[in-house]
N, C-alpha and C. Protein backbone atom coordinates (compact mmCIF):
# COMPACT_ATOMS: atom_id res chain seq x y z
N MET A 1 152.22 70.90 122.59
CA MET A 1 152.28 71.46 123.93
C MET A 1 153.41 72.48 123.97
N SER A 2 154.12 72.54 125.03
CA SER A 2 155.15 73.54 125.20
C SER A 2 156.54 72.91 125.22
N VAL A 3 157.53 73.71 124.95
CA VAL A 3 158.92 73.24 124.95
C VAL A 3 159.30 72.75 126.35
N PHE A 4 158.98 73.53 127.36
CA PHE A 4 159.34 73.18 128.73
C PHE A 4 158.50 72.00 129.23
N GLY A 5 157.20 72.04 128.98
CA GLY A 5 156.33 70.94 129.42
C GLY A 5 156.72 69.62 128.78
N ASP A 6 156.99 69.64 127.48
CA ASP A 6 157.42 68.42 126.79
C ASP A 6 158.76 67.94 127.32
N GLY A 7 159.67 68.87 127.60
CA GLY A 7 160.97 68.50 128.13
C GLY A 7 160.88 67.85 129.50
N LEU A 8 160.03 68.39 130.36
CA LEU A 8 159.83 67.80 131.69
C LEU A 8 159.19 66.42 131.59
N ASP A 9 158.21 66.28 130.69
CA ASP A 9 157.58 64.98 130.49
C ASP A 9 158.58 63.95 129.98
N ALA A 10 159.42 64.34 129.04
CA ALA A 10 160.42 63.43 128.49
C ALA A 10 161.41 62.98 129.57
N ALA A 11 161.77 63.89 130.47
CA ALA A 11 162.69 63.54 131.56
C ALA A 11 162.07 62.51 132.48
N VAL A 12 160.80 62.68 132.79
CA VAL A 12 160.11 61.74 133.67
C VAL A 12 159.92 60.40 132.97
N GLN A 13 159.67 60.42 131.66
CA GLN A 13 159.47 59.18 130.92
C GLN A 13 160.72 58.32 130.87
N LYS A 14 161.88 58.91 131.05
CA LYS A 14 163.13 58.13 131.07
C LYS A 14 163.20 57.24 132.31
N ALA A 15 162.37 57.51 133.30
CA ALA A 15 162.36 56.71 134.52
C ALA A 15 161.46 55.48 134.40
N PHE A 16 160.71 55.35 133.31
CA PHE A 16 159.81 54.21 133.15
C PHE A 16 160.58 52.90 133.22
N THR A 17 159.97 51.91 133.86
CA THR A 17 160.62 50.61 134.01
C THR A 17 160.24 49.64 132.90
N ARG A 18 159.14 49.90 132.24
CA ARG A 18 158.71 49.07 131.11
C ARG A 18 158.34 49.99 129.95
N PRO A 19 158.58 49.54 128.73
CA PRO A 19 158.21 50.38 127.60
C PRO A 19 156.69 50.45 127.43
N ALA A 20 156.22 51.58 126.98
CA ALA A 20 154.79 51.75 126.71
C ALA A 20 154.41 50.91 125.49
N PRO A 21 153.15 50.52 125.35
CA PRO A 21 152.73 49.73 124.18
C PRO A 21 153.06 50.47 122.88
N LYS A 22 153.51 49.73 121.88
CA LYS A 22 153.94 50.34 120.63
C LYS A 22 152.88 50.29 119.53
N ASN A 23 152.22 49.13 119.34
CA ASN A 23 151.28 49.05 118.22
C ASN A 23 149.91 49.60 118.60
N ALA A 24 149.14 49.93 117.60
CA ALA A 24 147.86 50.62 117.82
C ALA A 24 146.88 49.78 118.62
N GLY A 25 146.82 48.48 118.37
CA GLY A 25 145.89 47.62 119.09
C GLY A 25 146.19 47.59 120.58
N ALA A 26 147.46 47.41 120.92
CA ALA A 26 147.84 47.38 122.34
C ALA A 26 147.61 48.73 123.00
N GLN A 27 147.92 49.81 122.29
CA GLN A 27 147.68 51.15 122.84
C GLN A 27 146.19 51.38 123.09
N MET A 28 145.37 50.97 122.13
CA MET A 28 143.93 51.17 122.27
C MET A 28 143.38 50.32 123.42
N ARG A 29 143.84 49.07 123.54
CA ARG A 29 143.38 48.22 124.66
C ARG A 29 143.78 48.83 126.01
N TYR A 30 144.98 49.39 126.07
CA TYR A 30 145.43 50.03 127.31
C TYR A 30 144.52 51.21 127.66
N LEU A 31 144.22 52.06 126.68
CA LEU A 31 143.37 53.22 126.95
C LEU A 31 141.95 52.79 127.34
N VAL A 32 141.43 51.75 126.69
CA VAL A 32 140.09 51.26 127.04
C VAL A 32 140.08 50.78 128.48
N LYS A 33 141.14 50.10 128.89
CA LYS A 33 141.23 49.61 130.27
C LYS A 33 141.34 50.79 131.24
N GLN A 34 142.14 51.80 130.90
CA GLN A 34 142.33 52.95 131.78
C GLN A 34 141.07 53.79 131.92
N LEU A 35 140.38 54.02 130.81
CA LEU A 35 139.20 54.88 130.81
C LEU A 35 137.90 54.11 131.01
N LYS A 36 138.02 52.79 131.15
CA LYS A 36 136.89 51.92 131.46
C LYS A 36 135.79 51.97 130.41
N GLY A 37 136.18 51.89 129.14
CA GLY A 37 135.17 51.80 128.10
C GLY A 37 135.62 52.41 126.78
N THR A 38 135.01 51.89 125.72
CA THR A 38 135.38 52.35 124.38
C THR A 38 134.80 53.73 124.06
N LYS A 39 133.68 54.05 124.67
CA LYS A 39 133.04 55.35 124.39
C LYS A 39 133.92 56.51 124.85
N ALA A 40 134.47 56.39 126.04
CA ALA A 40 135.34 57.46 126.58
C ALA A 40 136.60 57.62 125.72
N VAL A 41 137.17 56.51 125.27
CA VAL A 41 138.35 56.56 124.42
C VAL A 41 138.01 57.21 123.08
N ALA A 42 136.86 56.85 122.52
CA ALA A 42 136.43 57.42 121.24
C ALA A 42 136.26 58.94 121.35
N GLN A 43 135.67 59.40 122.43
CA GLN A 43 135.49 60.84 122.62
C GLN A 43 136.83 61.55 122.79
N MET A 44 137.73 60.94 123.55
CA MET A 44 139.03 61.55 123.80
C MET A 44 139.84 61.66 122.51
N LEU A 45 139.82 60.61 121.69
CA LEU A 45 140.61 60.59 120.45
C LEU A 45 139.88 61.19 119.25
N ARG A 46 138.63 61.58 119.46
CA ARG A 46 137.80 62.17 118.40
C ARG A 46 137.63 61.23 117.21
N ILE A 47 137.29 59.96 117.52
CA ILE A 47 136.98 58.96 116.50
C ILE A 47 135.71 58.24 116.94
N SER A 48 135.17 57.37 116.10
CA SER A 48 133.94 56.68 116.46
C SER A 48 134.22 55.53 117.42
N GLN A 49 133.19 55.17 118.16
CA GLN A 49 133.31 54.07 119.11
C GLN A 49 133.57 52.77 118.36
N ARG A 50 132.97 52.61 117.20
CA ARG A 50 133.17 51.40 116.40
C ARG A 50 134.62 51.28 115.93
N THR A 51 135.25 52.40 115.61
CA THR A 51 136.66 52.38 115.21
C THR A 51 137.53 51.92 116.36
N VAL A 52 137.24 52.38 117.56
CA VAL A 52 137.99 51.94 118.75
C VAL A 52 137.83 50.43 118.91
N GLU A 53 136.61 49.93 118.76
CA GLU A 53 136.38 48.48 118.88
C GLU A 53 137.16 47.70 117.84
N ARG A 54 137.27 48.23 116.64
CA ARG A 54 138.04 47.55 115.59
C ARG A 54 139.53 47.50 115.93
N TYR A 55 140.06 48.57 116.50
CA TYR A 55 141.47 48.56 116.93
C TYR A 55 141.68 47.56 118.06
N VAL A 56 140.75 47.50 118.99
CA VAL A 56 140.86 46.59 120.13
C VAL A 56 140.90 45.14 119.64
N LYS A 57 140.11 44.82 118.62
CA LYS A 57 140.06 43.45 118.07
C LYS A 57 141.12 43.20 117.00
N ASP A 58 142.00 44.18 116.79
CA ASP A 58 143.05 44.09 115.76
C ASP A 58 142.50 43.93 114.35
N GLN A 59 141.29 44.44 114.10
CA GLN A 59 140.76 44.45 112.74
C GLN A 59 141.37 45.59 111.94
N ILE A 60 141.76 46.66 112.62
CA ILE A 60 142.51 47.76 112.01
C ILE A 60 143.87 47.77 112.73
N LYS A 61 144.93 47.81 111.95
CA LYS A 61 146.25 47.74 112.56
C LYS A 61 147.07 49.02 112.43
N LYS A 62 146.85 49.79 111.40
CA LYS A 62 147.68 50.97 111.15
C LYS A 62 146.82 52.23 111.13
N PRO A 63 146.94 53.06 112.17
CA PRO A 63 146.16 54.31 112.20
C PRO A 63 146.79 55.38 111.29
N ARG A 64 145.98 56.34 110.91
CA ARG A 64 146.54 57.46 110.13
C ARG A 64 147.47 58.25 111.03
N PRO A 65 148.39 59.00 110.44
CA PRO A 65 149.45 59.65 111.25
C PRO A 65 148.95 60.55 112.38
N ASP A 66 147.91 61.34 112.16
CA ASP A 66 147.43 62.23 113.22
C ASP A 66 146.83 61.44 114.37
N LEU A 67 146.10 60.36 114.07
CA LEU A 67 145.53 59.51 115.12
C LEU A 67 146.65 58.76 115.85
N ALA A 68 147.65 58.31 115.13
CA ALA A 68 148.77 57.59 115.76
C ALA A 68 149.49 58.51 116.76
N ALA A 69 149.67 59.77 116.41
CA ALA A 69 150.34 60.72 117.30
C ALA A 69 149.49 60.98 118.54
N ARG A 70 148.17 61.18 118.37
CA ARG A 70 147.29 61.40 119.52
C ARG A 70 147.26 60.17 120.43
N LEU A 71 147.21 59.01 119.81
CA LEU A 71 147.16 57.75 120.55
C LEU A 71 148.43 57.57 121.39
N GLU A 72 149.58 57.79 120.78
CA GLU A 72 150.84 57.65 121.50
C GLU A 72 150.96 58.67 122.64
N ARG A 73 150.54 59.91 122.38
CA ARG A 73 150.61 60.96 123.40
C ARG A 73 149.71 60.61 124.60
N GLU A 74 148.51 60.13 124.34
CA GLU A 74 147.58 59.80 125.43
C GLU A 74 148.06 58.59 126.23
N VAL A 75 148.65 57.61 125.56
CA VAL A 75 149.16 56.43 126.28
C VAL A 75 150.33 56.84 127.16
N LYS A 76 151.27 57.62 126.61
CA LYS A 76 152.43 58.03 127.40
C LYS A 76 152.04 58.93 128.57
N ALA A 77 150.99 59.70 128.41
CA ALA A 77 150.54 60.58 129.49
C ALA A 77 149.97 59.77 130.67
N ARG A 78 149.49 58.56 130.39
CA ARG A 78 148.88 57.74 131.45
C ARG A 78 149.75 56.57 131.87
N TRP A 79 150.86 56.33 131.20
CA TRP A 79 151.68 55.16 131.43
C TRP A 79 152.44 55.26 132.76
N GLN A 80 152.41 54.25 133.55
CA GLN A 80 153.11 54.10 134.83
C GLN A 80 153.03 55.36 135.71
N PRO A 81 151.84 55.70 136.18
CA PRO A 81 151.68 56.91 136.98
C PRO A 81 152.44 56.88 138.31
N GLN A 82 152.59 55.71 138.91
CA GLN A 82 153.31 55.63 140.18
C GLN A 82 154.81 55.86 139.98
N ILE A 83 155.36 55.30 138.91
CA ILE A 83 156.78 55.51 138.60
C ILE A 83 157.02 56.99 138.30
N ARG A 84 156.10 57.58 137.55
CA ARG A 84 156.19 59.01 137.21
C ARG A 84 156.17 59.86 138.48
N ALA A 85 155.27 59.54 139.40
CA ALA A 85 155.16 60.31 140.65
C ALA A 85 156.42 60.16 141.51
N LYS A 86 156.97 58.94 141.57
CA LYS A 86 158.18 58.71 142.36
C LYS A 86 159.37 59.47 141.77
N ALA A 87 159.47 59.49 140.44
CA ALA A 87 160.58 60.21 139.80
C ALA A 87 160.49 61.71 140.07
N ARG A 88 159.29 62.26 139.97
CA ARG A 88 159.10 63.68 140.27
C ARG A 88 159.40 63.98 141.74
N GLU A 89 158.93 63.11 142.62
CA GLU A 89 159.15 63.31 144.05
C GLU A 89 160.63 63.25 144.39
N LYS A 90 161.35 62.31 143.79
CA LYS A 90 162.78 62.19 144.06
C LYS A 90 163.53 63.43 143.57
N ALA A 91 163.18 63.90 142.37
CA ALA A 91 163.84 65.11 141.83
C ALA A 91 163.53 66.32 142.71
N ALA A 92 162.31 66.41 143.20
CA ALA A 92 161.91 67.56 144.00
C ALA A 92 162.43 67.50 145.43
N ALA A 93 162.72 66.30 145.91
CA ALA A 93 163.15 66.17 147.30
C ALA A 93 164.67 66.11 147.45
N THR A 94 165.33 65.30 146.64
CA THR A 94 166.76 65.11 146.85
C THR A 94 167.62 65.27 145.61
N GLY A 95 167.15 64.83 144.47
CA GLY A 95 168.01 64.73 143.30
C GLY A 95 168.20 66.00 142.50
N GLY A 96 167.19 66.83 142.45
CA GLY A 96 167.26 68.00 141.60
C GLY A 96 167.05 67.61 140.15
N ILE A 97 167.33 68.54 139.26
CA ILE A 97 167.12 68.30 137.84
C ILE A 97 168.25 68.98 137.08
N VAL A 98 168.69 68.37 136.00
CA VAL A 98 169.75 68.94 135.17
C VAL A 98 169.10 69.51 133.92
N ILE A 99 169.41 70.75 133.62
CA ILE A 99 168.91 71.39 132.41
C ILE A 99 170.07 71.53 131.43
N ASP A 100 169.84 71.10 130.20
CA ASP A 100 170.82 71.24 129.13
C ASP A 100 170.15 72.07 128.06
N THR A 101 170.67 73.25 127.80
CA THR A 101 170.02 74.15 126.86
C THR A 101 171.03 74.91 126.02
N ARG A 102 170.57 75.24 124.85
CA ARG A 102 171.30 76.18 124.00
C ARG A 102 170.28 77.25 123.67
N ALA A 103 170.52 78.44 124.22
CA ALA A 103 169.54 79.52 124.09
C ALA A 103 170.25 80.87 124.24
N ARG A 104 169.51 81.91 123.94
CA ARG A 104 170.03 83.27 124.13
C ARG A 104 169.76 83.65 125.57
N LEU A 105 170.85 83.92 126.30
CA LEU A 105 170.75 84.29 127.70
C LEU A 105 171.42 85.64 127.92
N GLY A 106 170.76 86.46 128.67
CA GLY A 106 171.30 87.76 129.04
C GLY A 106 170.74 88.14 130.39
N TYR A 107 171.16 89.29 130.88
CA TYR A 107 170.69 89.67 132.20
C TYR A 107 170.66 91.19 132.32
N THR A 108 169.92 91.63 133.30
CA THR A 108 169.85 93.05 133.63
C THR A 108 170.72 93.26 134.85
N ALA A 109 171.66 94.19 134.72
CA ALA A 109 172.61 94.45 135.80
C ALA A 109 172.91 95.94 135.83
N PRO A 110 173.64 96.40 136.84
CA PRO A 110 173.99 97.81 136.92
C PRO A 110 174.84 98.26 135.72
N ILE A 111 174.84 99.54 135.46
CA ILE A 111 175.59 100.12 134.35
C ILE A 111 177.07 99.81 134.52
N GLY A 112 177.72 99.48 133.41
CA GLY A 112 179.14 99.20 133.44
C GLY A 112 179.47 97.72 133.34
N SER A 113 178.45 96.86 133.35
CA SER A 113 178.71 95.42 133.22
C SER A 113 178.35 94.98 131.81
N THR A 114 178.89 93.85 131.40
CA THR A 114 178.62 93.33 130.05
C THR A 114 177.39 92.44 130.11
N ASP A 115 176.23 93.05 129.94
CA ASP A 115 174.99 92.30 130.07
C ASP A 115 174.35 91.97 128.72
N GLN A 116 175.13 91.97 127.66
CA GLN A 116 174.62 91.70 126.32
C GLN A 116 174.12 90.25 126.23
N ASP A 117 172.92 90.08 125.63
CA ASP A 117 172.40 88.73 125.40
C ASP A 117 173.30 88.02 124.40
N ARG A 118 173.53 86.73 124.62
CA ARG A 118 174.26 85.95 123.64
C ARG A 118 173.85 84.48 123.74
N ILE A 119 174.09 83.77 122.67
CA ILE A 119 173.78 82.34 122.65
C ILE A 119 174.78 81.61 123.55
N ARG A 120 174.25 80.83 124.47
CA ARG A 120 175.10 80.04 125.36
C ARG A 120 174.59 78.61 125.37
N HIS A 121 175.51 77.69 125.50
CA HIS A 121 175.14 76.29 125.70
C HIS A 121 175.48 75.94 127.14
N LEU A 122 174.46 75.67 127.94
CA LEU A 122 174.66 75.39 129.36
C LEU A 122 174.13 74.01 129.73
N THR A 123 174.84 73.35 130.58
CA THR A 123 174.36 72.14 131.24
C THR A 123 174.57 72.39 132.73
N VAL A 124 173.47 72.61 133.43
CA VAL A 124 173.53 73.05 134.82
C VAL A 124 172.62 72.17 135.67
N ALA A 125 173.14 71.73 136.80
CA ALA A 125 172.34 70.98 137.78
C ALA A 125 171.60 71.98 138.65
N LEU A 126 170.29 71.91 138.62
CA LEU A 126 169.46 72.81 139.43
C LEU A 126 169.10 72.12 140.74
N PRO A 127 169.05 72.88 141.83
CA PRO A 127 168.71 72.29 143.13
C PRO A 127 167.28 71.73 143.16
N PRO A 128 167.01 70.83 144.10
CA PRO A 128 165.69 70.21 144.18
C PRO A 128 164.53 71.20 144.29
N ARG A 129 164.74 72.34 144.94
CA ARG A 129 163.61 73.28 145.10
C ARG A 129 163.13 73.81 143.75
N TYR A 130 164.04 73.96 142.79
CA TYR A 130 163.62 74.41 141.46
C TYR A 130 162.95 73.28 140.68
N ALA A 131 163.40 72.05 140.89
CA ALA A 131 162.71 70.92 140.28
C ALA A 131 161.28 70.85 140.81
N ALA A 132 161.13 71.03 142.11
CA ALA A 132 159.80 71.02 142.72
C ALA A 132 158.92 72.13 142.15
N ARG A 133 159.49 73.32 142.02
CA ARG A 133 158.71 74.45 141.47
C ARG A 133 158.31 74.20 140.03
N LEU A 134 159.21 73.64 139.23
CA LEU A 134 158.89 73.35 137.82
C LEU A 134 157.78 72.30 137.72
N PHE A 135 157.90 71.21 138.47
CA PHE A 135 156.89 70.16 138.41
C PHE A 135 155.55 70.63 138.98
N ASP A 136 155.57 71.39 140.06
CA ASP A 136 154.33 71.91 140.63
C ASP A 136 153.63 72.85 139.65
N ALA A 137 154.41 73.73 139.03
CA ALA A 137 153.83 74.66 138.06
C ALA A 137 153.26 73.91 136.86
N GLN A 138 153.96 72.88 136.42
CA GLN A 138 153.47 72.09 135.28
C GLN A 138 152.16 71.39 135.62
N GLU A 139 152.08 70.82 136.82
CA GLU A 139 150.85 70.14 137.24
C GLU A 139 149.68 71.10 137.36
N GLN A 140 149.96 72.36 137.73
CA GLN A 140 148.90 73.35 137.86
C GLN A 140 148.54 73.98 136.52
N GLY A 141 149.16 73.51 135.44
CA GLY A 141 148.82 74.00 134.11
C GLY A 141 149.51 75.29 133.73
N ALA A 142 150.69 75.51 134.23
CA ALA A 142 151.43 76.74 133.93
C ALA A 142 151.77 76.80 132.44
N SER A 143 151.84 78.01 131.95
CA SER A 143 152.19 78.20 130.54
C SER A 143 153.68 78.01 130.33
N ASP A 144 154.07 77.92 129.08
CA ASP A 144 155.49 77.79 128.73
C ASP A 144 156.27 78.99 129.25
N GLN A 145 155.68 80.16 129.19
CA GLN A 145 156.34 81.37 129.66
C GLN A 145 156.60 81.32 131.17
N GLN A 146 155.65 80.82 131.93
CA GLN A 146 155.82 80.72 133.39
C GLN A 146 156.92 79.71 133.73
N LEU A 147 156.96 78.59 133.02
CA LEU A 147 158.02 77.61 133.25
C LEU A 147 159.38 78.17 132.86
N ARG A 148 159.41 78.96 131.79
CA ARG A 148 160.65 79.61 131.35
C ARG A 148 161.15 80.57 132.43
N GLU A 149 160.25 81.31 133.06
CA GLU A 149 160.63 82.26 134.11
C GLU A 149 161.22 81.55 135.33
N ILE A 150 160.65 80.40 135.68
CA ILE A 150 161.19 79.62 136.80
C ILE A 150 162.59 79.13 136.45
N ALA A 151 162.76 78.63 135.22
CA ALA A 151 164.07 78.15 134.79
C ALA A 151 165.09 79.29 134.74
N ALA A 152 164.65 80.47 134.29
CA ALA A 152 165.54 81.63 134.23
C ALA A 152 165.98 82.04 135.64
N GLU A 153 165.05 82.00 136.58
CA GLU A 153 165.39 82.33 137.97
C GLU A 153 166.39 81.32 138.53
N ALA A 154 166.20 80.04 138.19
CA ALA A 154 167.13 79.01 138.66
C ALA A 154 168.52 79.22 138.05
N LEU A 155 168.58 79.53 136.75
CA LEU A 155 169.87 79.78 136.10
C LEU A 155 170.54 81.02 136.67
N LYS A 156 169.74 82.01 137.02
CA LYS A 156 170.29 83.22 137.64
C LYS A 156 171.03 82.86 138.92
N GLU A 157 170.37 82.08 139.77
CA GLU A 157 170.97 81.73 141.05
C GLU A 157 172.16 80.78 140.91
N VAL A 158 171.99 79.72 140.12
CA VAL A 158 173.00 78.67 140.06
C VAL A 158 174.16 79.02 139.13
N TYR A 159 173.85 79.52 137.93
CA TYR A 159 174.91 79.77 136.95
C TYR A 159 175.51 81.17 137.07
N PHE A 160 174.68 82.18 137.02
CA PHE A 160 175.20 83.54 137.01
C PHE A 160 175.70 83.99 138.38
N GLN A 161 174.96 83.69 139.44
CA GLN A 161 175.35 84.15 140.78
C GLN A 161 176.13 83.09 141.56
N ASP A 162 176.24 81.89 141.04
CA ASP A 162 177.00 80.82 141.69
C ASP A 162 176.57 80.68 143.16
N SER A 163 175.27 80.55 143.37
CA SER A 163 174.67 80.38 144.70
C SER A 163 175.07 81.49 145.67
N GLY A 164 175.13 82.73 145.18
CA GLY A 164 175.40 83.88 146.04
C GLY A 164 176.86 84.27 146.16
N ARG A 165 177.77 83.60 145.46
CA ARG A 165 179.19 83.90 145.57
C ARG A 165 179.66 85.02 144.63
N ARG A 166 178.83 85.38 143.65
CA ARG A 166 179.22 86.45 142.73
C ARG A 166 177.97 87.09 142.14
N ALA A 167 178.15 88.20 141.47
CA ALA A 167 177.08 88.92 140.77
C ALA A 167 175.85 89.13 141.66
N GLY A 168 176.07 89.62 142.84
CA GLY A 168 174.98 89.83 143.78
C GLY A 168 174.00 90.90 143.34
N SER A 169 174.43 91.82 142.48
CA SER A 169 173.55 92.91 142.05
C SER A 169 172.77 92.56 140.78
N LEU A 170 172.86 91.34 140.32
CA LEU A 170 172.12 90.89 139.14
C LEU A 170 170.62 90.98 139.41
N GLU A 171 169.89 91.58 138.49
CA GLU A 171 168.47 91.80 138.74
C GLU A 171 167.58 90.76 138.06
N GLU A 172 167.80 90.51 136.78
CA GLU A 172 166.91 89.64 136.02
C GLU A 172 167.71 88.92 134.94
N VAL A 173 167.34 87.67 134.66
CA VAL A 173 167.96 86.90 133.58
C VAL A 173 166.93 86.73 132.48
N ARG A 174 167.35 87.00 131.25
CA ARG A 174 166.49 86.81 130.07
C ARG A 174 166.88 85.48 129.42
N PHE A 175 165.87 84.64 129.17
CA PHE A 175 166.07 83.30 128.62
C PHE A 175 165.19 83.21 127.38
N THR A 176 165.76 83.45 126.20
CA THR A 176 164.97 83.52 124.97
C THR A 176 165.61 82.71 123.85
N ASP A 177 164.97 82.67 122.71
CA ASP A 177 165.48 82.02 121.49
C ASP A 177 166.04 80.63 121.79
N ILE A 178 165.22 79.78 122.34
CA ILE A 178 165.68 78.44 122.73
C ILE A 178 165.85 77.59 121.48
N GLU A 179 167.09 77.11 121.27
CA GLU A 179 167.38 76.21 120.15
C GLU A 179 167.28 74.76 120.59
N HIS A 180 167.66 74.50 121.84
CA HIS A 180 167.68 73.13 122.37
C HIS A 180 167.36 73.20 123.85
N LEU A 181 166.55 72.26 124.32
CA LEU A 181 166.23 72.21 125.75
C LEU A 181 166.00 70.75 126.12
N ASP A 182 166.69 70.29 127.13
CA ASP A 182 166.56 68.91 127.58
C ASP A 182 166.70 68.89 129.10
N PHE A 183 165.88 68.08 129.73
CA PHE A 183 165.96 67.91 131.18
C PHE A 183 166.37 66.48 131.49
N GLU A 184 167.07 66.31 132.59
CA GLU A 184 167.51 64.99 133.05
C GLU A 184 167.29 64.93 134.56
N LEU A 185 166.70 63.83 135.02
CA LEU A 185 166.46 63.69 136.46
C LEU A 185 167.66 63.06 137.14
């Protein structure tokens, strides 16, 4: 998936109250219960229905690495949807979101300012409205580039302009060459 999408998902997953199933049999049983049948799970994971039935009965215990990764991703995507929704709602309404990144950041400003891009390590608390925009865009299937633009706009306001107290003539923030990106609710 995307760097930003995965980061937002990981932040929400930290709010889970119970761990997701770890072994293949438990994961497969959970998916069968969620999708109401082995056929739907088989189609989603691109394996045979009989293979799904074998995992459910613990006749097969260790999936191949690519299937294990798909299985874990699908379980985590469906795990505790109410907890996930509450965490997103809280971040979007009151809590905001903290972004921790090491990336190349620069900006477009009037002539005479030092607007050279450089690697910066920032840990910045973003206001709830930006958390809401990030989560809404992610739910609507926004690309990594669109999520990056929202984050750049948030960094422009919070970090570079200090909520309107400085750099009022700043036009655009460039957020590129991401080495590290982590979100915290």
